[in-house]
């Protein structure tokens, strides 16, 4: 299965944000190259909000180019076999934490946002990733800083998209991971 086909399958199974989800599917139908950065009309990206083992904090990166606190994520690469694989690869690369696991149940949120030309849009498919016990983060070349924030502080330092992702992730932790979350 191609990455494009996987994205269609994931989005068809995603049961929230219908208008946005249908926009993503329409974009994929109109652009066979929508998974790749070269698609100037916009391309899909994959990201993950990393949650600490105690489920009390999230790891955010101070993005080097944007100067904003964001979740880990970025462009899909040819070696990615699925959106989940892309999100997990990006989260691992940018956090420096091996052994991350995605929260079961698929994406937590979709977020479409403008980016500078030559491309115009990122169609981000956002997941949540759990850090293993004893996780130690390592800053990557793409970051100015990397820091754990409790939920309240993360919502204060990040933009609205990350705050919404955090809120949805907290709900998903309860719904998908059971009462111990």
N, C-alpha and C. Protein backbone atom coordinates (compact mmCIF):
# COMPACT_ATOMS: atom_id res chain seq x y z
N UNK A 1 0.85 -1.18 0.00
CA UNK A 1 0.00 0.00 0.00
C UNK A 1 0.90 1.25 0.00
N UNK A 2 0.56 2.20 -0.83
CA UNK A 2 1.34 3.44 -0.88
C UNK A 2 1.01 4.32 0.33
N UNK A 3 1.88 5.28 0.59
CA UNK A 3 1.63 6.23 1.68
C UNK A 3 0.37 7.04 1.39
N UNK A 4 0.16 7.40 0.14
CA UNK A 4 -1.05 8.11 -0.27
C UNK A 4 -2.29 7.28 0.06
N UNK A 5 -2.26 5.99 -0.29
CA UNK A 5 -3.39 5.09 0.01
C UNK A 5 -3.61 4.96 1.51
N UNK A 6 -2.52 4.86 2.26
CA UNK A 6 -2.63 4.77 3.72
C UNK A 6 -3.31 6.02 4.27
N UNK A 7 -2.92 7.19 3.77
CA UNK A 7 -3.52 8.44 4.24
C UNK A 7 -5.02 8.46 3.98
N UNK A 8 -5.43 8.01 2.81
CA UNK A 8 -6.87 7.94 2.49
C UNK A 8 -7.57 7.00 3.47
N UNK A 9 -6.97 5.85 3.72
CA UNK A 9 -7.55 4.88 4.65
C UNK A 9 -7.66 5.46 6.06
N UNK A 10 -6.60 6.10 6.54
CA UNK A 10 -6.60 6.71 7.87
C UNK A 10 -7.69 7.77 7.97
N UNK A 11 -7.76 8.63 6.98
CA UNK A 11 -8.74 9.72 7.02
C UNK A 11 -10.17 9.23 6.87
N UNK A 12 -10.38 8.18 6.09
CA UNK A 12 -11.72 7.59 6.00
C UNK A 12 -12.14 6.97 7.33
N UNK A 13 -11.18 6.52 8.13
CA UNK A 13 -11.49 5.93 9.43
C UNK A 13 -11.55 6.92 10.57
N UNK A 14 -11.11 8.14 10.34
CA UNK A 14 -11.12 9.17 11.37
C UNK A 14 -12.53 9.71 11.51
N UNK A 15 -13.07 9.68 12.70
CA UNK A 15 -14.50 9.97 12.89
C UNK A 15 -14.75 11.31 13.57
N UNK A 16 -13.98 12.32 13.21
CA UNK A 16 -14.14 13.63 13.82
C UNK A 16 -13.77 14.68 12.79
N UNK A 17 -14.04 15.93 13.09
CA UNK A 17 -13.66 17.05 12.25
C UNK A 17 -14.06 16.80 10.78
N UNK A 18 -15.33 16.49 10.55
CA UNK A 18 -15.79 16.05 9.23
C UNK A 18 -15.44 17.01 8.10
N UNK A 19 -15.69 18.29 8.28
CA UNK A 19 -15.42 19.24 7.20
C UNK A 19 -13.93 19.26 6.84
N UNK A 20 -13.09 19.31 7.85
CA UNK A 20 -11.64 19.31 7.62
C UNK A 20 -11.18 17.98 7.04
N UNK A 21 -11.69 16.89 7.57
CA UNK A 21 -11.34 15.55 7.09
C UNK A 21 -11.70 15.40 5.61
N UNK A 22 -12.88 15.87 5.23
CA UNK A 22 -13.30 15.79 3.83
C UNK A 22 -12.42 16.69 2.95
N UNK A 23 -11.98 17.82 3.49
CA UNK A 23 -11.05 18.67 2.76
C UNK A 23 -9.72 17.98 2.51
N UNK A 24 -9.23 17.26 3.50
CA UNK A 24 -7.99 16.49 3.33
C UNK A 24 -8.19 15.43 2.24
N UNK A 25 -9.30 14.71 2.31
CA UNK A 25 -9.56 13.66 1.32
C UNK A 25 -9.69 14.25 -0.08
N UNK A 26 -10.34 15.40 -0.20
CA UNK A 26 -10.45 16.06 -1.50
C UNK A 26 -9.08 16.47 -2.03
N UNK A 27 -8.25 16.97 -1.14
CA UNK A 27 -6.90 17.37 -1.54
C UNK A 27 -6.11 16.15 -2.03
N UNK A 28 -6.22 15.05 -1.32
CA UNK A 28 -5.54 13.82 -1.74
C UNK A 28 -6.06 13.35 -3.10
N UNK A 29 -7.37 13.45 -3.32
CA UNK A 29 -7.95 13.03 -4.60
C UNK A 29 -7.47 13.91 -5.75
N UNK A 30 -7.30 15.19 -5.48
CA UNK A 30 -6.89 16.14 -6.52
C UNK A 30 -5.39 16.17 -6.77
N UNK A 31 -4.60 15.68 -5.81
CA UNK A 31 -3.15 15.81 -5.90
C UNK A 31 -2.46 14.48 -5.58
N UNK A 32 -2.11 13.72 -6.60
CA UNK A 32 -1.42 12.44 -6.36
C UNK A 32 -0.11 12.61 -5.58
N UNK A 33 0.48 13.82 -5.63
CA UNK A 33 1.73 14.06 -4.92
C UNK A 33 1.52 14.76 -3.57
N UNK A 34 0.30 14.71 -3.04
CA UNK A 34 -0.05 15.43 -1.81
C UNK A 34 0.69 14.97 -0.56
N UNK A 35 1.38 13.85 -0.64
CA UNK A 35 2.13 13.36 0.52
C UNK A 35 3.53 13.98 0.60
N UNK A 36 3.93 14.70 -0.42
CA UNK A 36 5.31 15.13 -0.53
C UNK A 36 5.45 16.64 -0.51
N UNK A 37 6.53 17.10 0.03
CA UNK A 37 6.83 18.51 0.18
C UNK A 37 6.77 19.26 -1.16
N UNK A 38 7.05 18.58 -2.25
CA UNK A 38 7.07 19.23 -3.57
C UNK A 38 5.69 19.66 -4.05
N UNK A 39 4.61 19.17 -3.41
CA UNK A 39 3.25 19.54 -3.81
C UNK A 39 2.98 20.98 -3.36
N UNK A 40 3.06 21.91 -4.30
CA UNK A 40 2.96 23.33 -3.97
C UNK A 40 1.57 23.76 -3.52
N UNK A 41 0.56 22.99 -3.86
CA UNK A 41 -0.80 23.31 -3.40
C UNK A 41 -0.97 22.99 -1.92
N UNK A 42 -0.04 22.26 -1.37
CA UNK A 42 -0.09 21.85 0.03
C UNK A 42 0.17 20.36 0.13
N UNK A 43 0.68 19.94 1.27
CA UNK A 43 0.99 18.53 1.44
C UNK A 43 0.69 18.09 2.87
N UNK A 44 0.46 16.77 3.00
CA UNK A 44 0.20 16.20 4.31
C UNK A 44 1.51 16.13 5.10
N UNK A 45 1.40 16.37 6.38
CA UNK A 45 2.49 16.20 7.32
C UNK A 45 1.98 15.32 8.45
N UNK A 46 2.90 14.83 9.26
CA UNK A 46 2.53 13.96 10.38
C UNK A 46 3.26 14.43 11.63
N UNK A 47 2.54 14.49 12.74
CA UNK A 47 3.15 14.95 13.98
C UNK A 47 2.62 14.15 15.16
N UNK A 48 3.30 14.33 16.29
CA UNK A 48 2.87 13.64 17.52
C UNK A 48 3.21 14.49 18.73
N UNK A 49 2.27 14.60 19.62
CA UNK A 49 2.48 15.24 20.91
C UNK A 49 3.01 14.17 21.86
N UNK A 50 4.22 14.36 22.38
CA UNK A 50 4.87 13.37 23.25
C UNK A 50 4.46 13.62 24.70
N UNK A 51 3.97 12.55 25.33
CA UNK A 51 3.48 12.60 26.72
C UNK A 51 4.46 11.82 27.60
N UNK A 52 4.77 12.35 28.77
CA UNK A 52 5.71 11.67 29.66
C UNK A 52 5.05 10.43 30.28
N UNK A 53 5.87 9.51 30.81
CA UNK A 53 5.32 8.26 31.36
C UNK A 53 4.29 8.46 32.47
N UNK A 54 4.40 9.54 33.24
CA UNK A 54 3.43 9.79 34.31
C UNK A 54 2.13 10.38 33.77
N UNK A 55 2.15 10.76 32.51
CA UNK A 55 0.98 11.36 31.83
C UNK A 55 0.57 12.68 32.46
N UNK A 56 1.57 13.40 32.93
CA UNK A 56 1.33 14.71 33.55
C UNK A 56 1.96 15.86 32.77
N UNK A 57 2.84 15.52 31.81
CA UNK A 57 3.55 16.57 31.06
C UNK A 57 3.65 16.18 29.59
N UNK A 58 3.92 17.21 28.77
CA UNK A 58 4.17 16.99 27.35
C UNK A 58 5.50 17.63 26.98
N UNK A 59 6.12 17.06 25.97
CA UNK A 59 7.39 17.56 25.48
C UNK A 59 7.14 18.42 24.25
N UNK A 60 7.60 19.67 24.31
CA UNK A 60 7.46 20.57 23.17
C UNK A 60 8.83 20.98 22.68
N UNK A 61 8.90 21.28 21.40
CA UNK A 61 10.13 21.76 20.80
C UNK A 61 9.98 23.22 20.42
N UNK A 62 11.01 23.99 20.67
CA UNK A 62 11.04 25.37 20.21
C UNK A 62 11.60 25.32 18.79
N UNK A 63 10.70 25.39 17.82
CA UNK A 63 11.04 25.20 16.42
C UNK A 63 12.04 26.25 15.95
N UNK A 64 13.10 25.80 15.33
CA UNK A 64 14.19 26.69 14.92
C UNK A 64 13.73 27.73 13.91
N UNK A 65 12.96 27.34 12.90
CA UNK A 65 12.55 28.27 11.85
C UNK A 65 11.39 29.16 12.29
N UNK A 66 10.48 28.62 13.07
CA UNK A 66 9.27 29.36 13.44
C UNK A 66 9.37 30.09 14.77
N UNK A 67 10.30 29.66 15.64
CA UNK A 67 10.43 30.29 16.95
C UNK A 67 9.20 30.09 17.83
N UNK A 68 8.52 28.97 17.65
CA UNK A 68 7.30 28.67 18.40
C UNK A 68 7.45 27.31 19.09
N UNK A 69 6.78 27.15 20.25
CA UNK A 69 6.71 25.86 20.93
C UNK A 69 5.67 25.01 20.22
N UNK A 70 6.10 23.86 19.71
CA UNK A 70 5.22 22.98 18.93
C UNK A 70 5.42 21.52 19.34
N UNK A 71 4.49 20.68 18.89
CA UNK A 71 4.67 19.24 19.01
C UNK A 71 5.72 18.81 17.99
N UNK A 72 6.22 17.58 18.11
CA UNK A 72 7.18 17.05 17.15
C UNK A 72 6.45 16.70 15.87
N UNK A 73 7.08 16.94 14.73
CA UNK A 73 6.44 16.54 13.49
C UNK A 73 7.08 17.16 12.27
N UNK A 74 6.61 16.71 11.12
CA UNK A 74 7.14 17.26 9.89
C UNK A 74 6.71 16.49 8.66
N UNK A 75 7.53 16.60 7.63
CA UNK A 75 7.20 16.06 6.32
C UNK A 75 7.33 14.54 6.27
N UNK A 76 6.51 13.96 5.43
CA UNK A 76 6.61 12.53 5.15
C UNK A 76 7.83 12.30 4.27
N UNK A 77 8.45 11.14 4.44
CA UNK A 77 9.64 10.77 3.69
C UNK A 77 9.36 9.49 2.91
N UNK A 78 10.11 9.25 1.83
CA UNK A 78 9.87 8.06 1.00
C UNK A 78 9.91 6.74 1.78
N UNK A 79 10.70 6.66 2.85
CA UNK A 79 10.79 5.41 3.61
C UNK A 79 9.59 5.19 4.55
N UNK A 80 8.77 6.21 4.74
CA UNK A 80 7.61 6.06 5.63
C UNK A 80 6.57 5.15 4.97
N UNK A 81 6.13 4.16 5.70
CA UNK A 81 5.16 3.20 5.16
C UNK A 81 3.73 3.57 5.51
N UNK A 82 3.57 4.52 6.45
CA UNK A 82 2.23 4.93 6.87
C UNK A 82 2.33 6.31 7.52
N UNK A 83 1.18 6.95 7.69
CA UNK A 83 1.16 8.22 8.44
C UNK A 83 1.63 7.98 9.87
N UNK A 84 1.22 6.87 10.48
CA UNK A 84 1.67 6.55 11.83
C UNK A 84 3.18 6.43 11.88
N UNK A 85 3.76 5.75 10.88
CA UNK A 85 5.21 5.59 10.85
C UNK A 85 5.90 6.94 10.70
N UNK A 86 5.34 7.82 9.89
CA UNK A 86 5.92 9.15 9.70
C UNK A 86 5.86 9.95 11.01
N UNK A 87 4.72 9.91 11.68
CA UNK A 87 4.57 10.63 12.95
C UNK A 87 5.53 10.09 14.00
N UNK A 88 5.65 8.79 14.08
CA UNK A 88 6.55 8.17 15.06
C UNK A 88 8.01 8.48 14.73
N UNK A 89 8.38 8.44 13.46
CA UNK A 89 9.75 8.77 13.06
C UNK A 89 10.08 10.22 13.43
N UNK A 90 9.17 11.13 13.06
CA UNK A 90 9.40 12.55 13.37
C UNK A 90 9.50 12.78 14.88
N UNK A 91 8.62 12.17 15.65
CA UNK A 91 8.64 12.35 17.11
C UNK A 91 9.93 11.81 17.70
N UNK A 92 10.38 10.68 17.21
CA UNK A 92 11.62 10.08 17.71
C UNK A 92 12.82 10.94 17.33
N UNK A 93 12.89 11.37 16.06
CA UNK A 93 14.01 12.20 15.62
C UNK A 93 14.08 13.51 16.40
N UNK A 94 12.96 14.17 16.55
CA UNK A 94 12.97 15.50 17.15
C UNK A 94 13.05 15.48 18.68
N UNK A 95 12.59 14.40 19.31
CA UNK A 95 12.67 14.32 20.77
C UNK A 95 13.95 13.65 21.24
N UNK A 96 14.52 12.82 20.37
CA UNK A 96 15.70 12.04 20.76
C UNK A 96 15.36 10.88 21.67
N UNK A 97 14.08 10.57 21.82
CA UNK A 97 13.64 9.51 22.73
C UNK A 97 13.31 8.24 21.93
N UNK A 98 14.12 7.18 22.12
CA UNK A 98 13.76 5.91 21.49
C UNK A 98 12.62 5.24 22.26
N UNK A 99 11.89 4.38 21.58
CA UNK A 99 10.86 3.60 22.26
C UNK A 99 9.53 4.29 22.45
N UNK A 100 9.30 5.41 21.75
CA UNK A 100 7.97 6.05 21.81
C UNK A 100 6.94 5.11 21.21
N UNK A 101 5.73 5.16 21.74
CA UNK A 101 4.63 4.39 21.16
C UNK A 101 3.44 5.32 20.95
N UNK A 102 2.82 5.19 19.79
CA UNK A 102 1.65 6.02 19.52
C UNK A 102 0.46 5.52 20.32
N UNK A 103 -0.33 6.45 20.78
CA UNK A 103 -1.57 6.12 21.45
C UNK A 103 -2.45 5.39 20.44
N UNK A 104 -3.00 4.23 20.79
CA UNK A 104 -3.82 3.48 19.85
C UNK A 104 -5.07 4.27 19.44
N UNK A 105 -5.60 3.92 18.29
CA UNK A 105 -6.85 4.52 17.85
C UNK A 105 -6.71 5.56 16.77
N UNK A 106 -5.51 5.76 16.25
CA UNK A 106 -5.33 6.68 15.13
C UNK A 106 -5.10 8.11 15.55
N UNK A 107 -5.27 9.03 14.60
CA UNK A 107 -4.99 10.44 14.87
C UNK A 107 -5.86 11.00 15.99
N UNK A 108 -5.31 12.01 16.66
CA UNK A 108 -6.03 12.72 17.71
C UNK A 108 -6.71 13.96 17.14
N UNK A 109 -6.08 14.53 16.12
CA UNK A 109 -6.60 15.79 15.57
C UNK A 109 -6.02 16.02 14.17
N UNK A 110 -6.75 16.79 13.39
CA UNK A 110 -6.27 17.31 12.11
C UNK A 110 -6.10 18.81 12.27
N UNK A 111 -5.06 19.36 11.66
CA UNK A 111 -4.85 20.81 11.71
C UNK A 111 -4.26 21.27 10.39
N UNK A 112 -5.01 22.09 9.67
CA UNK A 112 -4.54 22.65 8.40
C UNK A 112 -4.08 24.08 8.67
N UNK A 113 -2.85 24.39 8.27
CA UNK A 113 -2.32 25.73 8.52
C UNK A 113 -1.46 26.21 7.36
N UNK A 114 -1.47 27.52 7.17
CA UNK A 114 -0.70 28.15 6.11
C UNK A 114 0.79 28.08 6.43
N UNK A 115 1.57 27.96 5.35
CA UNK A 115 3.02 28.02 5.45
C UNK A 115 3.53 28.92 4.33
N UNK A 116 4.76 29.41 4.45
CA UNK A 116 5.28 30.30 3.41
C UNK A 116 5.45 29.61 2.05
N UNK A 117 5.37 30.40 0.98
CA UNK A 117 5.58 29.88 -0.38
C UNK A 117 6.99 29.29 -0.48
N UNK A 118 7.22 28.34 -1.38
CA UNK A 118 6.40 28.05 -2.54
C UNK A 118 5.18 27.18 -2.23
N UNK A 119 5.21 26.42 -1.16
CA UNK A 119 4.03 25.65 -0.78
C UNK A 119 3.10 26.59 -0.03
N UNK A 120 1.85 26.20 0.11
CA UNK A 120 0.90 27.10 0.75
C UNK A 120 0.21 26.55 1.99
N UNK A 121 0.12 25.22 2.09
CA UNK A 121 -0.61 24.62 3.21
C UNK A 121 0.09 23.37 3.72
N UNK A 122 0.01 23.17 5.04
CA UNK A 122 0.30 21.89 5.67
C UNK A 122 -1.02 21.30 6.12
N UNK A 123 -1.27 20.08 5.73
CA UNK A 123 -2.43 19.31 6.18
C UNK A 123 -1.88 18.33 7.21
N UNK A 124 -1.81 18.76 8.47
CA UNK A 124 -1.14 17.97 9.49
C UNK A 124 -2.10 16.94 10.09
N UNK A 125 -1.62 15.71 10.16
CA UNK A 125 -2.34 14.61 10.82
C UNK A 125 -1.60 14.39 12.13
N UNK A 126 -2.30 14.66 13.24
CA UNK A 126 -1.65 14.74 14.55
C UNK A 126 -2.01 13.55 15.45
N UNK A 127 -0.98 12.93 15.99
CA UNK A 127 -1.10 11.78 16.88
C UNK A 127 -0.62 12.18 18.27
N UNK A 128 -0.73 11.24 19.20
CA UNK A 128 -0.15 11.37 20.53
C UNK A 128 0.79 10.19 20.74
N UNK A 129 1.94 10.45 21.35
CA UNK A 129 2.93 9.39 21.58
C UNK A 129 3.29 9.35 23.07
N UNK A 130 3.36 8.15 23.59
CA UNK A 130 3.74 7.95 24.99
C UNK A 130 5.23 7.65 25.08
N UNK A 131 5.91 8.38 25.96
CA UNK A 131 7.33 8.14 26.20
C UNK A 131 7.48 6.95 27.15
N UNK A 132 8.53 6.18 26.96
CA UNK A 132 8.75 5.05 27.85
C UNK A 132 9.28 5.52 29.22
N UNK A 133 9.21 4.65 30.24
CA UNK A 133 9.80 5.01 31.53
C UNK A 133 11.28 5.35 31.34
N UNK A 134 11.77 6.26 32.16
CA UNK A 134 13.18 6.68 32.12
C UNK A 134 13.55 7.37 30.81
N UNK A 135 12.57 7.91 30.10
CA UNK A 135 12.85 8.61 28.84
C UNK A 135 13.71 9.84 29.10
N UNK A 136 14.70 10.02 28.24
CA UNK A 136 15.57 11.19 28.31
C UNK A 136 15.55 11.83 26.92
N UNK A 137 15.14 13.07 26.87
CA UNK A 137 15.06 13.78 25.60
C UNK A 137 16.43 14.30 25.18
N UNK A 138 16.62 14.47 23.87
CA UNK A 138 17.84 15.04 23.31
C UNK A 138 17.44 16.01 22.21
N UNK A 139 17.95 17.20 22.29
CA UNK A 139 17.60 18.23 21.32
C UNK A 139 18.14 17.87 19.94
N UNK A 140 17.34 18.17 18.91
CA UNK A 140 17.75 17.88 17.53
C UNK A 140 18.21 19.16 16.85
N UNK A 141 18.72 19.01 15.64
CA UNK A 141 19.16 20.15 14.84
C UNK A 141 18.01 21.08 14.47
N UNK A 142 16.79 20.57 14.51
CA UNK A 142 15.63 21.36 14.10
C UNK A 142 15.07 22.23 15.23
N UNK A 143 15.64 22.11 16.42
CA UNK A 143 15.10 22.79 17.59
C UNK A 143 16.07 23.78 18.18
N UNK A 144 15.51 24.84 18.73
CA UNK A 144 16.29 25.76 19.56
C UNK A 144 16.31 25.28 21.00
N UNK A 145 15.24 24.59 21.40
CA UNK A 145 15.11 24.09 22.76
C UNK A 145 14.11 22.95 22.76
N UNK A 146 14.14 22.17 23.80
CA UNK A 146 13.24 21.03 23.98
C UNK A 146 12.93 21.00 25.46
N UNK A 147 11.64 20.99 25.82
CA UNK A 147 11.31 21.11 27.24
C UNK A 147 10.00 20.40 27.57
N UNK A 148 9.96 19.79 28.77
CA UNK A 148 8.73 19.20 29.30
C UNK A 148 7.90 20.31 29.96
N UNK A 149 6.61 20.34 29.67
CA UNK A 149 5.69 21.30 30.27
C UNK A 149 4.52 20.56 30.89
N UNK A 150 4.08 21.00 32.08
CA UNK A 150 2.82 20.44 32.58
C UNK A 150 1.71 20.96 31.66
N UNK A 151 0.56 20.33 31.74
CA UNK A 151 -0.52 20.64 30.79
C UNK A 151 -0.90 22.12 30.78
N UNK A 152 -1.02 22.72 31.94
CA UNK A 152 -1.45 24.12 32.00
C UNK A 152 -0.41 25.03 31.36
N UNK A 153 0.84 24.80 31.67
CA UNK A 153 1.90 25.65 31.12
C UNK A 153 2.05 25.44 29.62
N UNK A 154 1.91 24.21 29.15
CA UNK A 154 2.00 23.94 27.71
C UNK A 154 0.95 24.72 26.94
N UNK A 155 -0.25 24.75 27.47
CA UNK A 155 -1.33 25.50 26.81
C UNK A 155 -1.04 27.00 26.79
N UNK A 156 -0.27 27.48 27.77
CA UNK A 156 0.07 28.91 27.83
C UNK A 156 1.17 29.28 26.84
N UNK A 157 2.18 28.43 26.66
CA UNK A 157 3.33 28.79 25.84
C UNK A 157 3.12 28.49 24.35
N UNK A 158 2.22 27.59 24.05
CA UNK A 158 2.02 27.16 22.66
C UNK A 158 0.88 27.94 22.01
N UNK A 159 0.74 27.76 20.70
CA UNK A 159 -0.34 28.42 19.99
C UNK A 159 -1.64 27.63 20.15
N UNK A 160 -2.71 28.15 19.56
CA UNK A 160 -4.03 27.53 19.71
C UNK A 160 -4.10 26.12 19.17
N UNK A 161 -3.39 25.84 18.09
CA UNK A 161 -3.40 24.50 17.53
C UNK A 161 -2.85 23.48 18.51
N UNK A 162 -1.73 23.82 19.14
CA UNK A 162 -1.12 22.90 20.11
C UNK A 162 -2.00 22.78 21.35
N UNK A 163 -2.62 23.88 21.77
CA UNK A 163 -3.52 23.83 22.92
C UNK A 163 -4.71 22.91 22.63
N UNK A 164 -5.25 22.98 21.41
CA UNK A 164 -6.35 22.08 21.04
C UNK A 164 -5.87 20.63 20.98
N UNK A 165 -4.67 20.42 20.44
CA UNK A 165 -4.11 19.07 20.39
C UNK A 165 -3.91 18.52 21.79
N UNK A 166 -3.44 19.35 22.69
CA UNK A 166 -3.26 18.94 24.09
C UNK A 166 -4.60 18.55 24.71
N UNK A 167 -5.62 19.36 24.51
CA UNK A 167 -6.94 19.07 25.06
C UNK A 167 -7.49 17.75 24.50
N UNK A 168 -7.37 17.56 23.20
CA UNK A 168 -7.85 16.32 22.57
C UNK A 168 -7.03 15.11 23.02
N UNK A 169 -5.72 15.31 23.21
CA UNK A 169 -4.86 14.23 23.67
C UNK A 169 -5.24 13.80 25.08
N UNK A 170 -5.49 14.75 25.93
CA UNK A 170 -5.90 14.40 27.30
C UNK A 170 -7.20 13.61 27.29
N UNK A 171 -8.14 14.00 26.46
CA UNK A 171 -9.40 13.24 26.34
C UNK A 171 -9.13 11.84 25.79
N UNK A 172 -8.27 11.75 24.78
CA UNK A 172 -7.95 10.45 24.18
C UNK A 172 -7.23 9.54 25.17
N UNK A 173 -6.39 10.10 26.03
CA UNK A 173 -5.71 9.29 27.04
C UNK A 173 -6.73 8.58 27.93
N UNK A 174 -7.78 9.28 28.27
CA UNK A 174 -8.81 8.71 29.11
C UNK A 174 -9.66 7.71 28.33
N UNK A 175 -10.09 8.09 27.14
CA UNK A 175 -10.98 7.24 26.33
C UNK A 175 -10.28 5.99 25.81
N UNK A 176 -9.07 6.14 25.32
CA UNK A 176 -8.38 5.04 24.62
C UNK A 176 -7.52 4.18 25.53
N UNK A 177 -7.01 4.77 26.61
CA UNK A 177 -6.05 4.04 27.43
C UNK A 177 -6.68 3.50 28.71
N UNK A 178 -7.94 3.78 28.95
CA UNK A 178 -8.59 3.22 30.12
C UNK A 178 -8.45 4.09 31.35
N UNK A 179 -8.99 3.63 32.49
CA UNK A 179 -9.05 4.44 33.70
C UNK A 179 -7.70 4.72 34.35
N UNK A 180 -6.66 3.93 34.03
CA UNK A 180 -5.37 4.17 34.67
C UNK A 180 -4.69 5.41 34.12
N UNK A 181 -5.19 5.97 33.02
CA UNK A 181 -4.56 7.14 32.39
C UNK A 181 -4.74 8.39 33.20
